[in-house]
Structure formats: structure tokens, C-alpha cells
Amino acid sequence: MKTINIHEAKTHLSQIIERVAGGESVIIGKAGKPMAVLSPYVSTEKPRQAGSMKGKIHIANDFDADEELIADLFEGLTEHR
């Protein structure tokens, strides 16, 4: 892992980010003392999976029975009761 000083990091930030994006980690130091580490970002989010809520959600057959009220609510013409 390469160590660079703050001045060099500020001057060459774009190039350093490209190296980090390529998998390299970089230590940023001040007066020879390590202060921070730049490491590649690793997403911890799981990709969404279609159908994962199947059977867990129920929508009533008459959920849209009052179409006029729904339109008024959507357009801000009335408040929810």
C-alpha cells in the first residue's frame, strides 16, 4: 500500500482516485504520519429480486372503487379523511 502526503493527494486527486478504483488502496499521511486510507468502494446492497414479495402483499378488489376521490386526492383538490 503506497503512502502519499496530503499535498500530493490534493494535487493529484483524480489520478489517485483512478488507482483506487482499479483496486489499489492508498494511505494519506501528514508529516510522515498515516492519517487516512482510500480504498475501493464495495457495495453491500443486495440487488433487488423481482417477485420477492409475492404472496406477502394483498390489494383489496375494491381498492380503487371511489375513482373520483382518488383523482381529487391525486390533484390535491381534497384532503384524506
C-alpha atoms as a PDB file:
ATOM      1  CA  MET A   1       0.000   0.000   0.000  1.00  0.00           C
ATOM      2  CA  LYS A   2       1.505   3.303  -1.108  1.00  0.00           C
ATOM      3  CA  THR A   3       1.700   6.289   1.279  1.00  0.00           C
ATOM      4  CA  ILE A   4       1.380   9.827  -0.075  1.00  0.00           C
ATOM      5  CA  ASN A   5       1.312  13.189   1.667  1.00  0.00           C
ATOM      6  CA  ILE A   6      -1.733  15.472   1.786  1.00  0.00           C
ATOM      7  CA  HIS A   7      -0.271  17.980  -0.676  1.00  0.00           C
ATOM      8  CA  GLU A   8       0.346  15.255  -3.264  1.00  0.00           C
ATOM      9  CA  ALA A   9      -3.163  13.881  -2.652  1.00  0.00           C
ATOM     10  CA  LYS A  10      -4.731  17.303  -3.274  1.00  0.00           C
ATOM     11  CA  THR A  11      -2.596  17.918  -6.357  1.00  0.00           C
ATOM     12  CA  HIS A  12      -3.210  14.512  -7.953  1.00  0.00           C
ATOM     13  CA  LEU A  13      -6.613  13.535  -6.548  1.00  0.00           C
ATOM     14  CA  SER A  14      -8.086  12.450  -9.905  1.00  0.00           C
ATOM     15  CA  GLN A  15      -5.169  10.114 -10.653  1.00  0.00           C
ATOM     16  CA  ILE A  16      -5.236   8.698  -7.118  1.00  0.00           C
ATOM     17  CA  ILE A  17      -8.981   8.004  -7.371  1.00  0.00           C
ATOM     18  CA  GLU A  18      -8.397   6.175 -10.665  1.00  0.00           C
ATOM     19  CA  ARG A  19      -5.786   3.964  -8.969  1.00  0.00           C
ATOM     20  CA  VAL A  20      -8.137   3.282  -6.069  1.00  0.00           C
ATOM     21  CA  ALA A  21     -10.973   2.481  -8.477  1.00  0.00           C
ATOM     22  CA  GLY A  22      -8.598  -0.037 -10.033  1.00  0.00           C
ATOM     23  CA  GLY A  23      -8.330  -1.879  -6.728  1.00  0.00           C
ATOM     24  CA  GLU A  24      -5.360  -0.227  -5.046  1.00  0.00           C
ATOM     25  CA  SER A  25      -5.559   1.232  -1.519  1.00  0.00           C
ATOM     26  CA  VAL A  26      -3.614   4.409  -0.716  1.00  0.00           C
ATOM     27  CA  ILE A  27      -2.573   5.804   2.663  1.00  0.00           C
ATOM     28  CA  ILE A  28      -2.623   9.587   3.026  1.00  0.00           C
ATOM     29  CA  GLY A  29      -0.209  10.950   5.594  1.00  0.00           C
ATOM     30  CA  LYS A  30       0.684  14.240   7.224  1.00  0.00           C
ATOM     31  CA  ALA A  31       4.246  14.880   8.376  1.00  0.00           C
ATOM     32  CA  GLY A  32       5.032  11.214   7.791  1.00  0.00           C
ATOM     33  CA  LYS A  33       2.154  10.033   9.992  1.00  0.00           C
ATOM     34  CA  PRO A  34      -0.659   7.991   8.397  1.00  0.00           C
ATOM     35  CA  MET A  35      -3.955   9.919   8.627  1.00  0.00           C
ATOM     36  CA  ALA A  36      -6.420   8.193   6.275  1.00  0.00           C
ATOM     37  CA  VAL A  37      -6.826   5.309   3.858  1.00  0.00           C
ATOM     38  CA  LEU A  38      -8.504   5.496   0.466  1.00  0.00           C
ATOM     39  CA  SER A  39      -9.872   2.097  -0.508  1.00  0.00           C
ATOM     40  CA  PRO A  40     -12.050   0.878  -3.354  1.00  0.00           C
ATOM     41  CA  TYR A  41     -15.780   1.179  -2.661  1.00  0.00           C
ATOM     42  CA  VAL A  42     -17.543  -2.146  -2.231  1.00  0.00           C
ATOM     43  CA  SER A  43     -21.337  -2.080  -2.348  1.00  0.00           C
ATOM     44  CA  THR A  44     -23.069  -4.031   0.412  1.00  0.00           C
ATOM     45  CA  GLU A  45     -26.529  -3.708  -1.107  1.00  0.00           C
ATOM     46  CA  LYS A  46     -28.133  -6.835  -2.430  1.00  0.00           C
ATOM     47  CA  PRO A  47     -29.610  -6.498  -5.911  1.00  0.00           C
ATOM     48  CA  ARG A  48     -33.386  -6.274  -6.000  1.00  0.00           C
ATOM     49  CA  GLN A  49     -35.092  -9.527  -6.891  1.00  0.00           C
ATOM     50  CA  ALA A  50     -38.338  -9.449  -8.851  1.00  0.00           C
ATOM     51  CA  GLY A  51     -41.180 -11.310  -7.159  1.00  0.00           C
ATOM     52  CA  SER A  52     -39.603 -11.386  -3.711  1.00  0.00           C
ATOM     53  CA  MET A  53     -42.826 -10.039  -2.108  1.00  0.00           C
ATOM     54  CA  LYS A  54     -45.140 -12.480  -3.900  1.00  0.00           C
ATOM     55  CA  GLY A  55     -47.832 -13.732  -1.520  1.00  0.00           C
ATOM     56  CA  LYS A  56     -46.917 -11.135   1.131  1.00  0.00           C
ATOM     57  CA  ILE A  57     -48.986  -8.219  -0.169  1.00  0.00           C
ATOM     58  CA  HIS A  58     -52.747  -8.167  -0.629  1.00  0.00           C
ATOM     59  CA  ILE A  59     -54.652  -5.479  -2.527  1.00  0.00           C
ATOM     60  CA  ALA A  60     -58.411  -5.430  -1.971  1.00  0.00           C
ATOM     61  CA  ASN A  61     -60.569  -5.887  -5.063  1.00  0.00           C
ATOM     62  CA  ASP A  62     -62.266  -2.544  -4.395  1.00  0.00           C
ATOM     63  CA  PHE A  63     -59.131  -0.527  -3.594  1.00  0.00           C
ATOM     64  CA  ASP A  64     -59.982   1.921  -6.379  1.00  0.00           C
ATOM     65  CA  ALA A  65     -63.780   1.911  -6.006  1.00  0.00           C
ATOM     66  CA  ASP A  66     -64.001   5.666  -5.392  1.00  0.00           C
ATOM     67  CA  GLU A  67     -62.242   6.859  -8.529  1.00  0.00           C
ATOM     68  CA  GLU A  68     -63.437  10.449  -8.069  1.00  0.00           C
ATOM     69  CA  LEU A  69     -61.935  10.654  -4.550  1.00  0.00           C
ATOM     70  CA  ILE A  70     -58.684   9.141  -5.785  1.00  0.00           C
ATOM     71  CA  ALA A  71     -58.474  11.709  -8.611  1.00  0.00           C
ATOM     72  CA  ASP A  72     -59.240  14.559  -6.196  1.00  0.00           C
ATOM     73  CA  LEU A  73     -56.586  13.355  -3.747  1.00  0.00           C
ATOM     74  CA  PHE A  74     -54.051  12.989  -6.544  1.00  0.00           C
ATOM     75  CA  GLU A  75     -54.733  16.518  -7.775  1.00  0.00           C
ATOM     76  CA  GLY A  76     -54.776  17.983  -4.263  1.00  0.00           C
ATOM     77  CA  LEU A  77     -58.425  19.010  -4.512  1.00  0.00           C
ATOM     78  CA  THR A  78     -59.402  17.317  -1.254  1.00  0.00           C
ATOM     79  CA  GLU A  79     -57.697  16.006   1.887  1.00  0.00           C
ATOM     80  CA  HIS A  80     -57.602  12.416   3.044  1.00  0.00           C
ATOM     81  CA  ARG A  81     -60.342  11.669   5.571  1.00  0.00           C
END
